[in-house]
Amino acid sequence: DNGVREDSECDFLIFNPDYGFLCVEVKGGTGMRVEDGVW
């Protein structure tokens, strides 16, 4: 982005020839909340 490299990762990529692929992000912990757009 604007010459700045940002490394990322796909936790799981699931491929099925009858459909295609899904990228899945896995989150642990005991819960999730959002406040003012912040997770």
PDB file of all heavy atoms in Angstrom:
ATOM      1  N   ASP A   1       0.851  -1.185   0.000  1.00  0.00           N
ATOM      2  CA  ASP A   1       0.000   0.000   0.000  1.00  0.00           C
ATOM      3  C   ASP A   1       0.888   1.236   0.000  1.00  0.00           C
ATOM      4  O   ASP A   1       1.609   1.497   0.954  1.00  0.00           O
ATOM      5  CB  ASP A   1      -0.913   0.001   1.227  1.00  0.00           C
ATOM      6  CG  ASP A   1      -1.901   1.173   1.230  1.00  0.00           C
ATOM      7  OD1 ASP A   1      -2.082   1.802   0.170  1.00  0.00           O
ATOM      8  OD2 ASP A   1      -2.486   1.452   2.296  1.00  0.00           O
ATOM      9  N   ASN A   2       0.845   2.001  -1.119  1.00  0.00           N
ATOM     10  CA  ASN A   2       1.684   3.199  -1.267  1.00  0.00           C
ATOM     11  C   ASN A   2       3.156   2.893  -1.019  1.00  0.00           C
ATOM     12  O   ASN A   2       3.874   3.661  -0.367  1.00  0.00           O
ATOM     13  CB  ASN A   2       1.214   4.306  -0.309  1.00  0.00           C
ATOM     14  CG  ASN A   2      -0.170   4.821  -0.651  1.00  0.00           C
ATOM     15  OD1 ASN A   2      -0.528   4.924  -1.833  1.00  0.00           O
ATOM     16  ND2 ASN A   2      -0.961   5.141   0.361  1.00  0.00           N
ATOM     17  N   GLY A   3       3.584   1.755  -1.539  1.00  0.00           N
ATOM     18  CA  GLY A   3       4.985   1.380  -1.426  1.00  0.00           C
ATOM     19  C   GLY A   3       5.368   0.732  -0.113  1.00  0.00           C
ATOM     20  O   GLY A   3       6.524   0.339   0.075  1.00  0.00           O
ATOM     21  N   VAL A   4       4.417   0.617   0.820  1.00  0.00           N
ATOM     22  CA  VAL A   4       4.694   0.004   2.123  1.00  0.00           C
ATOM     23  C   VAL A   4       4.169  -1.422   2.131  1.00  0.00           C
ATOM     24  O   VAL A   4       2.997  -1.668   1.849  1.00  0.00           O
ATOM     25  CB  VAL A   4       4.048   0.807   3.272  1.00  0.00           C
ATOM     26  CG1 VAL A   4       4.312   0.134   4.614  1.00  0.00           C
ATOM     27  CG2 VAL A   4       4.572   2.237   3.271  1.00  0.00           C
ATOM     28  N   ARG A   5       5.043  -2.372   2.423  1.00  0.00           N
ATOM     29  CA  ARG A   5       4.666  -3.779   2.439  1.00  0.00           C
ATOM     30  C   ARG A   5       4.011  -4.141   3.771  1.00  0.00           C
ATOM     31  O   ARG A   5       4.525  -3.794   4.837  1.00  0.00           O
ATOM     32  CB  ARG A   5       5.895  -4.662   2.209  1.00  0.00           C
ATOM     33  CG  ARG A   5       5.635  -6.151   2.429  1.00  0.00           C
ATOM     34  CD  ARG A   5       6.789  -6.980   1.959  1.00  0.00           C
ATOM     35  NE  ARG A   5       6.700  -8.344   2.452  1.00  0.00           N
ATOM     36  CZ  ARG A   5       7.243  -9.389   1.849  1.00  0.00           C
ATOM     37  NH1 ARG A   5       7.901  -9.226   0.727  1.00  0.00           N
ATOM     38  NH2 ARG A   5       7.135 -10.600   2.360  1.00  0.00           N
ATOM     39  N   GLU A   6       2.882  -4.837   3.708  1.00  0.00           N
ATOM     40  CA  GLU A   6       2.199  -5.328   4.897  1.00  0.00           C
ATOM     41  C   GLU A   6       2.053  -6.833   4.798  1.00  0.00           C
ATOM     42  O   GLU A   6       1.405  -7.351   3.892  1.00  0.00           O
ATOM     43  CB  GLU A   6       0.815  -4.687   5.049  1.00  0.00           C
ATOM     44  CG  GLU A   6       0.078  -5.160   6.292  1.00  0.00           C
ATOM     45  CD  GLU A   6      -1.302  -4.544   6.436  1.00  0.00           C
ATOM     46  OE1 GLU A   6      -1.663  -3.684   5.607  1.00  0.00           O
ATOM     47  OE2 GLU A   6      -2.027  -4.937   7.373  1.00  0.00           O
ATOM     48  N   ASP A   7       2.697  -7.538   5.724  1.00  0.00           N
ATOM     49  CA  ASP A   7       2.619  -8.995   5.734  1.00  0.00           C
ATOM     50  C   ASP A   7       1.315  -9.451   6.349  1.00  0.00           C
ATOM     51  O   ASP A   7       0.816  -8.852   7.306  1.00  0.00           O
ATOM     52  CB  ASP A   7       3.794  -9.588   6.517  1.00  0.00           C
ATOM     53  CG  ASP A   7       5.120  -9.369   5.810  1.00  0.00           C
ATOM     54  OD1 ASP A   7       5.187  -9.626   4.605  1.00  0.00           O
ATOM     55  OD2 ASP A   7       6.075  -8.917   6.465  1.00  0.00           O
ATOM     56  N   SER A   8       0.754 -10.523   5.810  1.00  0.00           N
ATOM     57  CA  SER A   8      -0.493 -11.059   6.326  1.00  0.00           C
ATOM     58  C   SER A   8      -0.451 -12.583   6.234  1.00  0.00           C
ATOM     59  O   SER A   8       0.549 -13.163   5.790  1.00  0.00           O
ATOM     60  CB  SER A   8      -1.681 -10.485   5.550  1.00  0.00           C
ATOM     61  OG  SER A   8      -2.892 -10.769   6.228  1.00  0.00           O
ATOM     62  N   GLU A   9      -1.538 -13.197   6.638  1.00  0.00           N
ATOM     63  CA  GLU A   9      -1.570 -14.649   6.694  1.00  0.00           C
ATOM     64  C   GLU A   9      -3.013 -15.124   6.575  1.00  0.00           C
ATOM     65  O   GLU A   9      -3.932 -14.514   7.128  1.00  0.00           O
ATOM     66  CB  GLU A   9      -0.972 -15.136   8.015  1.00  0.00           C
ATOM     67  CG  GLU A   9      -0.987 -16.642   8.204  1.00  0.00           C
ATOM     68  CD  GLU A   9      -0.473 -17.052   9.571  1.00  0.00           C
ATOM     69  OE1 GLU A   9      -0.453 -16.184  10.477  1.00  0.00           O
ATOM     70  OE2 GLU A   9      -0.106 -18.219   9.740  1.00  0.00           O
ATOM     71  N   CYS A  10      -3.200 -16.194   5.835  1.00  0.00           N
ATOM     72  CA  CYS A  10      -4.491 -16.880   5.779  1.00  0.00           C
ATOM     73  C   CYS A  10      -4.403 -18.068   6.728  1.00  0.00           C
ATOM     74  O   CYS A  10      -3.596 -18.972   6.519  1.00  0.00           O
ATOM     75  CB  CYS A  10      -4.782 -17.340   4.350  1.00  0.00           C
ATOM     76  SG  CYS A  10      -6.298 -18.305   4.171  1.00  0.00           S
ATOM     77  N   ASP A  11      -5.216 -18.059   7.796  1.00  0.00           N
ATOM     78  CA  ASP A  11      -5.137 -19.147   8.772  1.00  0.00           C
ATOM     79  C   ASP A  11      -5.412 -20.493   8.116  1.00  0.00           C
ATOM     80  O   ASP A  11      -4.646 -21.453   8.289  1.00  0.00           O
ATOM     81  CB  ASP A  11      -6.140 -18.916   9.910  1.00  0.00           C
ATOM     82  CG  ASP A  11      -5.704 -17.807  10.840  1.00  0.00           C
ATOM     83  OD1 ASP A  11      -4.509 -17.455  10.843  1.00  0.00           O
ATOM     84  OD2 ASP A  11      -6.566 -17.265  11.561  1.00  0.00           O
ATOM     85  N   PHE A  12      -6.508 -20.575   7.358  1.00  0.00           N
ATOM     86  CA  PHE A  12      -6.852 -21.820   6.667  1.00  0.00           C
ATOM     87  C   PHE A  12      -7.415 -21.486   5.287  1.00  0.00           C
ATOM     88  O   PHE A  12      -8.261 -20.588   5.153  1.00  0.00           O
ATOM     89  CB  PHE A  12      -7.904 -22.624   7.452  1.00  0.00           C
ATOM     90  CG  PHE A  12      -7.368 -23.253   8.702  1.00  0.00           C
ATOM     91  CD1 PHE A  12      -7.357 -22.541   9.892  1.00  0.00           C
ATOM     92  CD2 PHE A  12      -6.864 -24.543   8.686  1.00  0.00           C
ATOM     93  CE1 PHE A  12      -6.852 -23.107  11.049  1.00  0.00           C
ATOM     94  CE2 PHE A  12      -6.362 -25.119   9.846  1.00  0.00           C
ATOM     95  CZ  PHE A  12      -6.352 -24.398  11.028  1.00  0.00           C
ATOM     96  N   LEU A  13      -6.924 -22.184   4.283  1.00  0.00           N
ATOM     97  CA  LEU A  13      -7.489 -22.110   2.941  1.00  0.00           C
ATOM     98  C   LEU A  13      -8.063 -23.489   2.628  1.00  0.00           C
ATOM     99  O   LEU A  13      -7.330 -24.486   2.607  1.00  0.00           O
ATOM    100  CB  LEU A  13      -6.442 -21.705   1.917  1.00  0.00           C
ATOM    101  CG  LEU A  13      -6.958 -21.359   0.516  1.00  0.00           C
ATOM    102  CD1 LEU A  13      -6.031 -20.358  -0.178  1.00  0.00           C
ATOM    103  CD2 LEU A  13      -7.121 -22.594  -0.364  1.00  0.00           C
ATOM    104  N   ILE A  14      -9.376 -23.546   2.425  1.00  0.00           N
ATOM    105  CA  ILE A  14     -10.077 -24.817   2.207  1.00  0.00           C
ATOM    106  C   ILE A  14     -10.488 -24.902   0.738  1.00  0.00           C
ATOM    107  O   ILE A  14     -11.207 -24.034   0.240  1.00  0.00           O
ATOM    108  CB  ILE A  14     -11.315 -24.921   3.108  1.00  0.00           C
ATOM    109  CG1 ILE A  14     -10.907 -24.843   4.582  1.00  0.00           C
ATOM    110  CG2 ILE A  14     -12.084 -26.211   2.834  1.00  0.00           C
ATOM    111  CD1 ILE A  14     -12.088 -24.809   5.547  1.00  0.00           C
ATOM    112  N   PHE A  15     -10.023 -25.942   0.057  1.00  0.00           N
ATOM    113  CA  PHE A  15     -10.299 -26.113  -1.374  1.00  0.00           C
ATOM    114  C   PHE A  15     -11.125 -27.370  -1.601  1.00  0.00           C
ATOM    115  O   PHE A  15     -10.806 -28.447  -1.089  1.00  0.00           O
ATOM    116  CB  PHE A  15      -8.991 -26.210  -2.157  1.00  0.00           C
ATOM    117  CG  PHE A  15      -9.180 -26.500  -3.628  1.00  0.00           C
ATOM    118  CD1 PHE A  15      -9.669 -25.530  -4.482  1.00  0.00           C
ATOM    119  CD2 PHE A  15      -8.871 -27.753  -4.147  1.00  0.00           C
ATOM    120  CE1 PHE A  15      -9.848 -25.787  -5.840  1.00  0.00           C
ATOM    121  CE2 PHE A  15      -9.045 -28.027  -5.497  1.00  0.00           C
ATOM    122  CZ  PHE A  15      -9.540 -27.036  -6.334  1.00  0.00           C
ATOM    123  N   ASN A  16     -12.207 -27.224  -2.369  1.00  0.00           N
ATOM    124  CA  ASN A  16     -13.061 -28.349  -2.761  1.00  0.00           C
ATOM    125  C   ASN A  16     -13.311 -28.249  -4.260  1.00  0.00           C
ATOM    126  O   ASN A  16     -13.837 -27.239  -4.729  1.00  0.00           O
ATOM    127  CB  ASN A  16     -14.388 -28.301  -1.990  1.00  0.00           C
ATOM    128  CG  ASN A  16     -15.291 -29.487  -2.312  1.00  0.00           C
ATOM    129  OD1 ASN A  16     -15.357 -29.953  -3.444  1.00  0.00           O
ATOM    130  ND2 ASN A  16     -16.003 -29.980  -1.312  1.00  0.00           N
ATOM    131  N   PRO A  17     -12.949 -29.261  -5.059  1.00  0.00           N
ATOM    132  CA  PRO A  17     -13.088 -29.181  -6.515  1.00  0.00           C
ATOM    133  C   PRO A  17     -14.524 -29.037  -6.995  1.00  0.00           C
ATOM    134  O   PRO A  17     -14.756 -28.600  -8.123  1.00  0.00           O
ATOM    135  CB  PRO A  17     -12.470 -30.490  -7.008  1.00  0.00           C
ATOM    136  CG  PRO A  17     -12.533 -31.420  -5.842  1.00  0.00           C
ATOM    137  CD  PRO A  17     -12.349 -30.543  -4.643  1.00  0.00           C
ATOM    138  N   ASP A  18     -15.504 -29.408  -6.150  1.00  0.00           N
ATOM    139  CA  ASP A  18     -16.904 -29.255  -6.540  1.00  0.00           C
ATOM    140  C   ASP A  18     -17.369 -27.805  -6.408  1.00  0.00           C
ATOM    141  O   ASP A  18     -18.440 -27.457  -6.927  1.00  0.00           O
ATOM    142  CB  ASP A  18     -17.808 -30.148  -5.680  1.00  0.00           C
ATOM    143  CG  ASP A  18     -17.604 -31.618  -5.986  1.00  0.00           C
ATOM    144  OD1 ASP A  18     -17.060 -31.926  -7.056  1.00  0.00           O
ATOM    145  OD2 ASP A  18     -17.972 -32.449  -5.137  1.00  0.00           O
ATOM    146  N   TYR A  19     -16.594 -26.989  -5.719  1.00  0.00           N
ATOM    147  CA  TYR A  19     -16.975 -25.594  -5.508  1.00  0.00           C
ATOM    148  C   TYR A  19     -15.839 -24.640  -5.865  1.00  0.00           C
ATOM    149  O   TYR A  19     -15.889 -23.933  -6.858  1.00  0.00           O
ATOM    150  CB  TYR A  19     -17.397 -25.381  -4.047  1.00  0.00           C
ATOM    151  CG  TYR A  19     -18.638 -26.124  -3.645  1.00  0.00           C
ATOM    152  CD1 TYR A  19     -18.560 -27.342  -2.963  1.00  0.00           C
ATOM    153  CD2 TYR A  19     -19.894 -25.618  -3.947  1.00  0.00           C
ATOM    154  CE1 TYR A  19     -19.707 -28.031  -2.589  1.00  0.00           C
ATOM    155  CE2 TYR A  19     -21.053 -26.302  -3.570  1.00  0.00           C
ATOM    156  CZ  TYR A  19     -20.947 -27.509  -2.893  1.00  0.00           C
ATOM    157  OH  TYR A  19     -22.093 -28.184  -2.528  1.00  0.00           O
ATOM    158  N   GLY A  20     -14.831 -24.585  -5.025  1.00  0.00           N
ATOM    159  CA  GLY A  20     -13.744 -23.639  -5.190  1.00  0.00           C
ATOM    160  C   GLY A  20     -12.963 -23.555  -3.902  1.00  0.00           C
ATOM    161  O   GLY A  20     -12.575 -24.576  -3.344  1.00  0.00           O
ATOM    162  N   PHE A  21     -12.768 -22.335  -3.375  1.00  0.00           N
ATOM    163  CA  PHE A  21     -11.981 -22.220  -2.150  1.00  0.00           C
ATOM    164  C   PHE A  21     -12.601 -21.204  -1.189  1.00  0.00           C
ATOM    165  O   PHE A  21     -13.311 -20.276  -1.596  1.00  0.00           O
ATOM    166  CB  PHE A  21     -10.532 -21.829  -2.453  1.00  0.00           C
ATOM    167  CG  PHE A  21     -10.330 -20.385  -2.856  1.00  0.00           C
ATOM    168  CD1 PHE A  21     -10.018 -19.413  -1.904  1.00  0.00           C
ATOM    169  CD2 PHE A  21     -10.427 -19.985  -4.173  1.00  0.00           C
ATOM    170  CE1 PHE A  21      -9.821 -18.092  -2.264  1.00  0.00           C
ATOM    171  CE2 PHE A  21     -10.234 -18.660  -4.552  1.00  0.00           C
ATOM    172  CZ  PHE A  21      -9.932 -17.707  -3.590  1.00  0.00           C
ATOM    173  N   LEU A  22     -12.299 -21.418   0.098  1.00  0.00           N
ATOM    174  CA  LEU A  22     -12.677 -20.510   1.173  1.00  0.00           C
ATOM    175  C   LEU A  22     -11.429 -20.146   1.963  1.00  0.00           C
ATOM    176  O   LEU A  22     -10.587 -21.001   2.239  1.00  0.00           O
ATOM    177  CB  LEU A  22     -13.670 -21.167   2.140  1.00  0.00           C
ATOM    178  CG  LEU A  22     -15.012 -21.647   1.606  1.00  0.00           C
ATOM    179  CD1 LEU A  22     -15.767 -22.391   2.713  1.00  0.00           C
ATOM    180  CD2 LEU A  22     -15.835 -20.487   1.083  1.00  0.00           C
ATOM    181  N   CYS A  23     -11.311 -18.883   2.342  1.00  0.00           N
ATOM    182  CA  CYS A  23     -10.283 -18.450   3.277  1.00  0.00           C
ATOM    183  C   CYS A  23     -10.941 -18.249   4.640  1.00  0.00           C
ATOM    184  O   CYS A  23     -11.941 -17.533   4.746  1.00  0.00           O
ATOM    185  CB  CYS A  23      -9.632 -17.155   2.808  1.00  0.00           C
ATOM    186  SG  CYS A  23      -8.564 -17.370   1.357  1.00  0.00           S
ATOM    187  N   VAL A  24     -10.383 -18.893   5.658  1.00  0.00           N
ATOM    188  CA  VAL A  24     -11.002 -18.884   6.987  1.00  0.00           C
ATOM    189  C   VAL A  24     -10.044 -18.276   8.003  1.00  0.00           C
ATOM    190  O   VAL A  24      -8.897 -18.717   8.134  1.00  0.00           O
ATOM    191  CB  VAL A  24     -11.400 -20.306   7.430  1.00  0.00           C
ATOM    192  CG1 VAL A  24     -12.065 -20.264   8.804  1.00  0.00           C
ATOM    193  CG2 VAL A  24     -12.311 -20.962   6.399  1.00  0.00           C
ATOM    194  N   GLU A  25     -10.509 -17.264   8.696  1.00  0.00           N
ATOM    195  CA  GLU A  25      -9.774 -16.663   9.802  1.00  0.00           C
ATOM    196  C   GLU A  25     -10.297 -17.278  11.098  1.00  0.00           C
ATOM    197  O   GLU A  25     -11.510 -17.340  11.323  1.00  0.00           O
ATOM    198  CB  GLU A  25      -9.986 -15.153   9.807  1.00  0.00           C
ATOM    199  CG  GLU A  25      -9.289 -14.423  10.915  1.00  0.00           C
ATOM    200  CD  GLU A  25      -7.787 -14.358  10.743  1.00  0.00           C
ATOM    201  OE1 GLU A  25      -7.281 -14.654   9.637  1.00  0.00           O
ATOM    202  OE2 GLU A  25      -7.105 -14.030  11.736  1.00  0.00           O
ATOM    203  N   VAL A  26      -9.396 -17.770  11.949  1.00  0.00           N
ATOM    204  CA  VAL A  26      -9.786 -18.431  13.194  1.00  0.00           C
ATOM    205  C   VAL A  26      -9.461 -17.519  14.370  1.00  0.00           C
ATOM    206  O   VAL A  26      -8.347 -17.001  14.487  1.00  0.00           O
ATOM    207  CB  VAL A  26      -9.059 -19.777  13.353  1.00  0.00           C
ATOM    208  CG1 VAL A  26      -9.387 -20.407  14.706  1.00  0.00           C
ATOM    209  CG2 VAL A  26      -9.449 -20.725  12.223  1.00  0.00           C
ATOM    210  N   LYS A  27     -10.449 -17.322  15.252  1.00  0.00           N
ATOM    211  CA  LYS A  27     -10.258 -16.522  16.446  1.00  0.00           C
ATOM    212  C   LYS A  27     -10.587 -17.356  17.684  1.00  0.00           C
ATOM    213  O   LYS A  27     -11.616 -18.018  17.736  1.00  0.00           O
ATOM    214  CB  LYS A  27     -11.147 -15.273  16.419  1.00  0.00           C
ATOM    215  CG  LYS A  27     -10.746 -14.265  15.350  1.00  0.00           C
ATOM    216  CD  LYS A  27      -9.313 -13.777  15.552  1.00  0.00           C
ATOM    217  CE  LYS A  27      -8.882 -12.811  14.465  1.00  0.00           C
ATOM    218  NZ  LYS A  27      -7.435 -12.483  14.574  1.00  0.00           N
ATOM    219  N   GLY A  28      -9.688 -17.295  18.652  1.00  0.00           N
ATOM    220  CA  GLY A  28      -9.876 -18.063  19.878  1.00  0.00           C
ATOM    221  C   GLY A  28     -10.489 -17.224  20.980  1.00  0.00           C
ATOM    222  O   GLY A  28     -11.381 -16.410  20.754  1.00  0.00           O
ATOM    223  N   GLY A  29      -9.987 -17.398  22.195  1.00  0.00           N
ATOM    224  CA  GLY A  29     -10.515 -16.671  23.337  1.00  0.00           C
ATOM    225  C   GLY A  29     -11.841 -17.226  23.810  1.00  0.00           C
ATOM    226  O   GLY A  29     -12.244 -18.344  23.487  1.00  0.00           O
ATOM    227  N   THR A  30     -12.545 -16.402  24.562  1.00  0.00           N
ATOM    228  CA  THR A  30     -13.843 -16.812  25.102  1.00  0.00           C
ATOM    229  C   THR A  30     -14.989 -15.957  24.576  1.00  0.00           C
ATOM    230  O   THR A  30     -16.137 -16.191  24.919  1.00  0.00           O
ATOM    231  CB  THR A  30     -13.809 -16.709  26.638  1.00  0.00           C
ATOM    232  OG1 THR A  30     -13.502 -15.355  27.018  1.00  0.00           O
ATOM    233  CG2 THR A  30     -12.760 -17.648  27.217  1.00  0.00           C
ATOM    234  N   GLY A  31     -14.661 -14.959  23.756  1.00  0.00           N
ATOM    235  CA  GLY A  31     -15.714 -14.116  23.210  1.00  0.00           C
ATOM    236  C   GLY A  31     -15.138 -13.017  22.333  1.00  0.00           C
ATOM    237  O   GLY A  31     -13.913 -12.857  22.208  1.00  0.00           O
ATOM    238  N   MET A  32     -16.034 -12.250  21.741  1.00  0.00           N
ATOM    239  CA  MET A  32     -15.655 -11.164  20.849  1.00  0.00           C
ATOM    240  C   MET A  32     -16.641 -10.022  21.051  1.00  0.00           C
ATOM    241  O   MET A  32     -17.849 -10.243  21.191  1.00  0.00           O
ATOM    242  CB  MET A  32     -15.699 -11.641  19.397  1.00  0.00           C
ATOM    243  CG  MET A  32     -15.086 -10.680  18.397  1.00  0.00           C
ATOM    244  SD  MET A  32     -13.279 -10.650  18.445  1.00  0.00           S
ATOM    245  CE  MET A  32     -12.908 -12.311  17.857  1.00  0.00           C
ATOM    246  N   ARG A  33     -16.134  -8.800  21.076  1.00  0.00           N
ATOM    247  CA  ARG A  33     -17.042  -7.661  21.143  1.00  0.00           C
ATOM    248  C   ARG A  33     -16.533  -6.548  20.240  1.00  0.00           C
ATOM    249  O   ARG A  33     -15.327  -6.487  19.907  1.00  0.00           O
ATOM    250  CB  ARG A  33     -17.213  -7.170  22.571  1.00  0.00           C
ATOM    251  CG  ARG A  33     -16.048  -6.382  23.138  1.00  0.00           C
ATOM    252  CD  ARG A  33     -16.330  -5.883  24.535  1.00  0.00           C
ATOM    253  NE  ARG A  33     -15.259  -4.996  25.021  1.00  0.00           N
ATOM    254  CZ  ARG A  33     -15.248  -3.688  24.842  1.00  0.00           C
ATOM    255  NH1 ARG A  33     -16.242  -3.089  24.171  1.00  0.00           N
ATOM    256  NH2 ARG A  33     -14.260  -2.941  25.304  1.00  0.00           N
ATOM    257  N   VAL A  34     -17.421  -5.651  19.853  1.00  0.00           N
ATOM    258  CA  VAL A  34     -17.080  -4.529  18.982  1.00  0.00           C
ATOM    259  C   VAL A  34     -17.587  -3.241  19.622  1.00  0.00           C
ATOM    260  O   VAL A  34     -18.735  -3.175  20.071  1.00  0.00           O
ATOM    261  CB  VAL A  34     -17.701  -4.705  17.580  1.00  0.00           C
ATOM    262  CG1 VAL A  34     -17.335  -3.531  16.682  1.00  0.00           C
ATOM    263  CG2 VAL A  34     -17.254  -6.030  16.953  1.00  0.00           C
ATOM    264  N   GLU A  35     -16.723  -2.240  19.676  1.00  0.00           N
ATOM    265  CA  GLU A  35     -17.100  -0.942  20.230  1.00  0.00           C
ATOM    266  C   GLU A  35     -16.557   0.157  19.320  1.00  0.00           C
ATOM    267  O   GLU A  35     -15.342   0.208  19.061  1.00  0.00           O
ATOM    268  CB  GLU A  35     -16.530  -0.779  21.646  1.00  0.00           C
ATOM    269  CG  GLU A  35     -16.907   0.541  22.312  1.00  0.00           C
ATOM    270  CD  GLU A  35     -16.361   0.656  23.721  1.00  0.00           C
ATOM    271  OE1 GLU A  35     -16.089  -0.389  24.343  1.00  0.00           O
ATOM    272  OE2 GLU A  35     -16.201   1.793  24.187  1.00  0.00           O
ATOM    273  N   ASP A  36     -17.460   1.000  18.811  1.00  0.00           N
ATOM    274  CA  ASP A  36     -17.083   2.087  17.910  1.00  0.00           C
ATOM    275  C   ASP A  36     -16.282   1.574  16.713  1.00  0.00           C
ATOM    276  O   ASP A  36     -15.304   2.198  16.275  1.00  0.00           O
ATOM    277  CB  ASP A  36     -16.275   3.154  18.649  1.00  0.00           C
ATOM    278  CG  ASP A  36     -17.088   3.836  19.750  1.00  0.00           C
ATOM    279  OD1 ASP A  36     -18.317   3.942  19.582  1.00  0.00           O
ATOM    280  OD2 ASP A  36     -16.486   4.239  20.757  1.00  0.00           O
ATOM    281  N   GLY A  37     -16.686   0.433  16.198  1.00  0.00           N
ATOM    282  CA  GLY A  37     -16.030  -0.136  15.033  1.00  0.00           C
ATOM    283  C   GLY A  37     -14.740  -0.866  15.314  1.00  0.00           C
ATOM    284  O   GLY A  37     -14.107  -1.396  14.394  1.00  0.00           O
ATOM    285  N   VAL A  38     -14.312  -0.905  16.570  1.00  0.00           N
ATOM    286  CA  VAL A  38     -13.071  -1.580  16.951  1.00  0.00           C
ATOM    287  C   VAL A  38     -13.399  -2.947  17.533  1.00  0.00           C
ATOM    288  O   VAL A  38     -14.263  -3.066  18.412  1.00  0.00           O
ATOM    289  CB  VAL A  38     -12.270  -0.749  17.967  1.00  0.00           C
ATOM    290  CG1 VAL A  38     -10.992  -1.475  18.363  1.00  0.00           C
ATOM    291  CG2 VAL A  38     -11.955   0.625  17.390  1.00  0.00           C
ATOM    292  N   TRP A  39     -12.680  -3.983  17.048  1.00  0.00           N
ATOM    293  CA  TRP A  39     -12.922  -5.353  17.492  1.00  0.00           C
ATOM    294  C   TRP A  39     -11.991  -5.703  18.638  1.00  0.00           C
ATOM    295  O   TRP A  39     -10.797  -5.385  18.605  1.00  0.00           O
ATOM    296  CB  TRP A  39     -12.696  -6.331  16.331  1.00  0.00           C
ATOM    297  CG  TRP A  39     -13.791  -6.296  15.300  1.00  0.00           C
ATOM    298  CD1 TRP A  39     -14.060  -5.291  14.439  1.00  0.00           C
ATOM    299  CD2 TRP A  39     -14.741  -7.331  15.042  1.00  0.00           C
ATOM    300  NE1 TRP A  39     -15.135  -5.612  13.644  1.00  0.00           N
ATOM    301  CE2 TRP A  39     -15.576  -6.871  13.991  1.00  0.00           C
ATOM    302  CE3 TRP A  39     -14.983  -8.592  15.576  1.00  0.00           C
ATOM    303  CZ2 TRP A  39     -16.613  -7.628  13.480  1.00  0.00           C
ATOM    304  CZ3 TRP A  39     -16.014  -9.362  15.075  1.00  0.00           C
ATOM    305  CH2 TRP A  39     -16.823  -8.881  14.038  1.00  0.00           C
TER     306      TRP A  39
END
